[in-house]
């Protein structure tokens, strides 16, 4: 679900609430270098970015051309790198393949090396989905909260604990 944050002075940034957002992610050329049918070298920041998106509430779907043994190898490779997918080549884990129904994945966001313009890299993907300004805002909130906490402890030391 999209959210706009008002930063004052008519400045707004776009943010995504990742709770229940489905992100379909390709494997070859996106998570790893394209060396199909072999598994290529991991793309820089691929697993870190995907794990962080998962922590933010996103449901990750592996969306790949791979099938059979090659698909199992890709899933296991991701598992060994700490990434478990919500679903694999399915909209949800229990979905049963039916040739009468489209195989197209119902996702909110698609991350694929075949995007128009190619794959920008995982650090760029992170900046698109979770802009730097959001990190700065969150850091400022934590610092302000920490300062209030320190101030409160100093006041309690001088006046005694608040017994409300």
Protein backbone atom coordinates (compact mmCIF):
# COMPACT_ATOMS: atom_id res chain seq x y z
CA UNK A 1 0.00 0.00 0.00
CA UNK A 2 1.54 3.34 -0.98
CA UNK A 3 2.06 6.02 1.64
CA UNK A 4 3.16 9.62 1.14
CA UNK A 5 5.23 11.19 3.91
CA UNK A 6 5.00 14.95 4.33
CA UNK A 7 8.45 16.36 5.11
CA UNK A 8 7.25 19.97 5.37
CA UNK A 9 7.79 22.84 2.93
CA UNK A 10 5.62 21.05 0.36
CA UNK A 11 8.21 18.26 0.20
CA UNK A 12 6.80 14.73 0.11
CA UNK A 13 8.36 11.34 -0.45
CA UNK A 14 6.75 8.10 -1.46
CA UNK A 15 7.00 5.11 0.86
CA UNK A 16 5.56 1.63 0.72
CA UNK A 17 3.98 -0.08 3.70
CA UNK A 18 5.34 -3.55 3.01
CA UNK A 19 2.87 -5.36 5.25
CA UNK A 20 1.33 -8.05 3.03
CA UNK A 21 2.95 -6.66 -0.13
CA UNK A 22 3.79 -9.51 -2.51
CA UNK A 23 7.12 -9.13 -4.29
CA UNK A 24 7.87 -11.52 -7.15
CA UNK A 25 11.63 -11.97 -7.64
CA UNK A 26 13.37 -13.64 -10.55
CA UNK A 27 16.38 -15.87 -9.84
CA UNK A 28 18.77 -16.02 -12.82
CA UNK A 29 20.17 -12.59 -13.62
CA UNK A 30 18.48 -11.05 -10.58
CA UNK A 31 19.45 -12.89 -7.39
CA UNK A 32 22.46 -14.50 -9.08
CA UNK A 33 24.44 -13.81 -12.25
CA UNK A 34 22.80 -15.40 -15.28
CA UNK A 35 24.52 -18.76 -15.86
CA UNK A 36 21.44 -20.94 -16.35
CA UNK A 37 21.21 -23.91 -15.95
CA UNK A 38 24.07 -23.53 -13.46
CA UNK A 39 23.66 -21.24 -10.46
CA UNK A 40 25.68 -18.09 -11.01
CA UNK A 41 27.52 -15.97 -8.49
CA UNK A 42 25.33 -14.06 -6.02
CA UNK A 43 24.47 -10.50 -7.08
CA UNK A 44 25.85 -7.92 -4.66
CA UNK A 45 23.35 -7.16 -1.84
CA UNK A 46 20.71 -9.57 -3.22
CA UNK A 47 20.13 -11.58 -0.05
CA UNK A 48 20.61 -8.65 2.32
CA UNK A 49 18.01 -6.59 0.44
CA UNK A 50 15.49 -9.42 0.19
CA UNK A 51 15.85 -10.29 3.89
CA UNK A 52 15.31 -6.65 4.85
CA UNK A 53 12.20 -6.43 2.66
CA UNK A 54 10.94 -9.58 4.35
CA UNK A 55 11.60 -8.03 7.80
CA UNK A 56 9.50 -5.03 6.70
CA UNK A 57 6.58 -7.40 6.09
CA UNK A 58 6.85 -8.25 2.38
CA UNK A 59 5.88 -11.73 1.17
CA UNK A 60 8.58 -12.84 -1.27
CA UNK A 61 7.68 -15.07 -4.20
CA UNK A 62 10.40 -16.75 -6.24
CA UNK A 63 9.28 -16.23 -9.84
CA UNK A 64 11.58 -18.08 -12.22
CA UNK A 65 11.77 -20.02 -15.46
CA UNK A 66 13.38 -22.89 -13.55
CA UNK A 67 11.47 -26.12 -12.94
CA UNK A 68 12.18 -29.57 -11.52
CA UNK A 69 15.67 -30.26 -10.19
CA UNK A 70 16.98 -26.85 -11.33
CA UNK A 71 14.21 -25.11 -9.39
CA UNK A 72 14.90 -27.23 -6.30
CA UNK A 73 18.60 -26.26 -6.52
CA UNK A 74 17.71 -22.56 -6.72
CA UNK A 75 15.35 -22.78 -3.74
CA UNK A 76 17.98 -24.67 -1.73
CA UNK A 77 20.66 -22.13 -2.68
CA UNK A 78 18.43 -19.34 -1.36
CA UNK A 79 17.64 -21.33 1.78
CA UNK A 80 21.37 -21.82 2.44
CA UNK A 81 21.73 -18.05 2.19
CA UNK A 82 19.00 -17.50 4.79
CA UNK A 83 16.09 -16.78 2.47
CA UNK A 84 12.81 -18.73 2.58
CA UNK A 85 10.17 -17.72 0.05
CA UNK A 86 6.48 -17.33 0.82
CA UNK A 87 5.77 -19.18 -2.44
CA UNK A 88 7.71 -20.53 -5.43
CA UNK A 89 6.27 -19.99 -8.93
CA UNK A 90 2.85 -19.75 -7.26
CA UNK A 91 0.63 -16.99 -5.91
CA UNK A 92 0.42 -18.74 -2.53
CA UNK A 93 2.04 -21.91 -1.14
CA UNK A 94 -1.07 -24.13 -1.46
CA UNK A 95 -1.84 -23.19 -5.06
CA UNK A 96 -2.00 -26.20 -7.39
CA UNK A 97 -0.90 -25.72 -10.99
CA UNK A 98 -3.85 -25.83 -13.39
CA UNK A 99 -3.19 -25.43 -17.13
CA UNK A 100 -6.57 -23.69 -17.51
CA UNK A 101 -5.45 -20.85 -15.21
CA UNK A 102 -2.79 -18.31 -16.10
CA UNK A 103 0.63 -18.92 -14.55
CA UNK A 104 1.12 -15.17 -14.18
CA UNK A 105 1.98 -14.31 -10.58
CA UNK A 106 -0.33 -11.90 -8.76
CA UNK A 107 2.28 -9.63 -7.16
CA UNK A 108 2.44 -5.97 -6.21
CA UNK A 109 6.10 -5.55 -7.22
CA UNK A 110 8.20 -7.49 -9.74
CA UNK A 111 12.00 -7.52 -9.53
CA UNK A 112 13.53 -8.98 -12.69
CA UNK A 113 16.61 -8.46 -14.86
CA UNK A 114 14.31 -8.25 -17.89
CA UNK A 115 12.80 -4.92 -16.76
CA UNK A 116 12.77 -2.12 -19.29
CA UNK A 117 16.21 -0.60 -18.89
CA UNK A 118 17.66 -3.78 -17.36
CA UNK A 119 18.41 -4.65 -13.76
CA UNK A 120 19.60 -1.58 -11.81
CA UNK A 121 21.26 -3.54 -8.99
CA UNK A 122 20.11 -4.32 -5.47
CA UNK A 123 21.31 -1.09 -3.85
CA UNK A 124 19.24 0.87 -6.38
CA UNK A 125 16.24 -1.41 -5.81
CA UNK A 126 16.55 -0.72 -2.06
CA UNK A 127 16.71 3.04 -2.64
CA UNK A 128 13.65 2.92 -4.89
CA UNK A 129 11.60 0.94 -2.38
CA UNK A 130 12.99 2.39 0.87
CA UNK A 131 14.36 5.88 0.17
CA UNK A 132 17.30 7.23 2.21
CA UNK A 133 15.09 10.00 3.60
CA UNK A 134 13.04 7.38 5.45
CA UNK A 135 16.14 6.02 7.15
CA UNK A 136 17.12 9.54 8.16
CA UNK A 137 13.65 10.23 9.61
CA UNK A 138 13.71 6.98 11.59
CA UNK A 139 17.21 7.71 12.92
CA UNK A 140 16.13 11.19 14.02
CA UNK A 141 13.13 9.70 15.84
CA UNK A 142 15.38 7.19 17.67
CA UNK A 143 17.82 9.95 18.66
CA UNK A 144 14.99 12.18 19.93
CA UNK A 145 13.52 9.28 21.93
CA UNK A 146 16.95 8.49 23.37
CA UNK A 147 17.44 12.13 24.39
CA UNK A 148 14.04 12.18 26.13
CA UNK A 149 14.93 8.97 27.93
CA UNK A 150 18.28 10.39 29.11
CA UNK A 151 16.62 13.64 30.21
CA UNK A 152 13.94 11.69 32.09
CA UNK A 153 16.59 9.61 33.93
CA UNK A 154 18.47 12.76 34.93
CA UNK A 155 15.28 14.39 36.24
CA UNK A 156 14.36 11.20 38.16
CA UNK A 157 17.82 11.09 39.71
CA UNK A 158 17.39 14.66 40.94
CA UNK A 159 13.72 14.55 41.94
CA UNK A 160 13.18 10.85 42.57
CA UNK A 161 11.15 8.43 40.41
CA UNK A 162 7.76 9.52 39.15
CA UNK A 163 5.22 7.43 41.02
CA UNK A 164 2.19 8.02 38.76
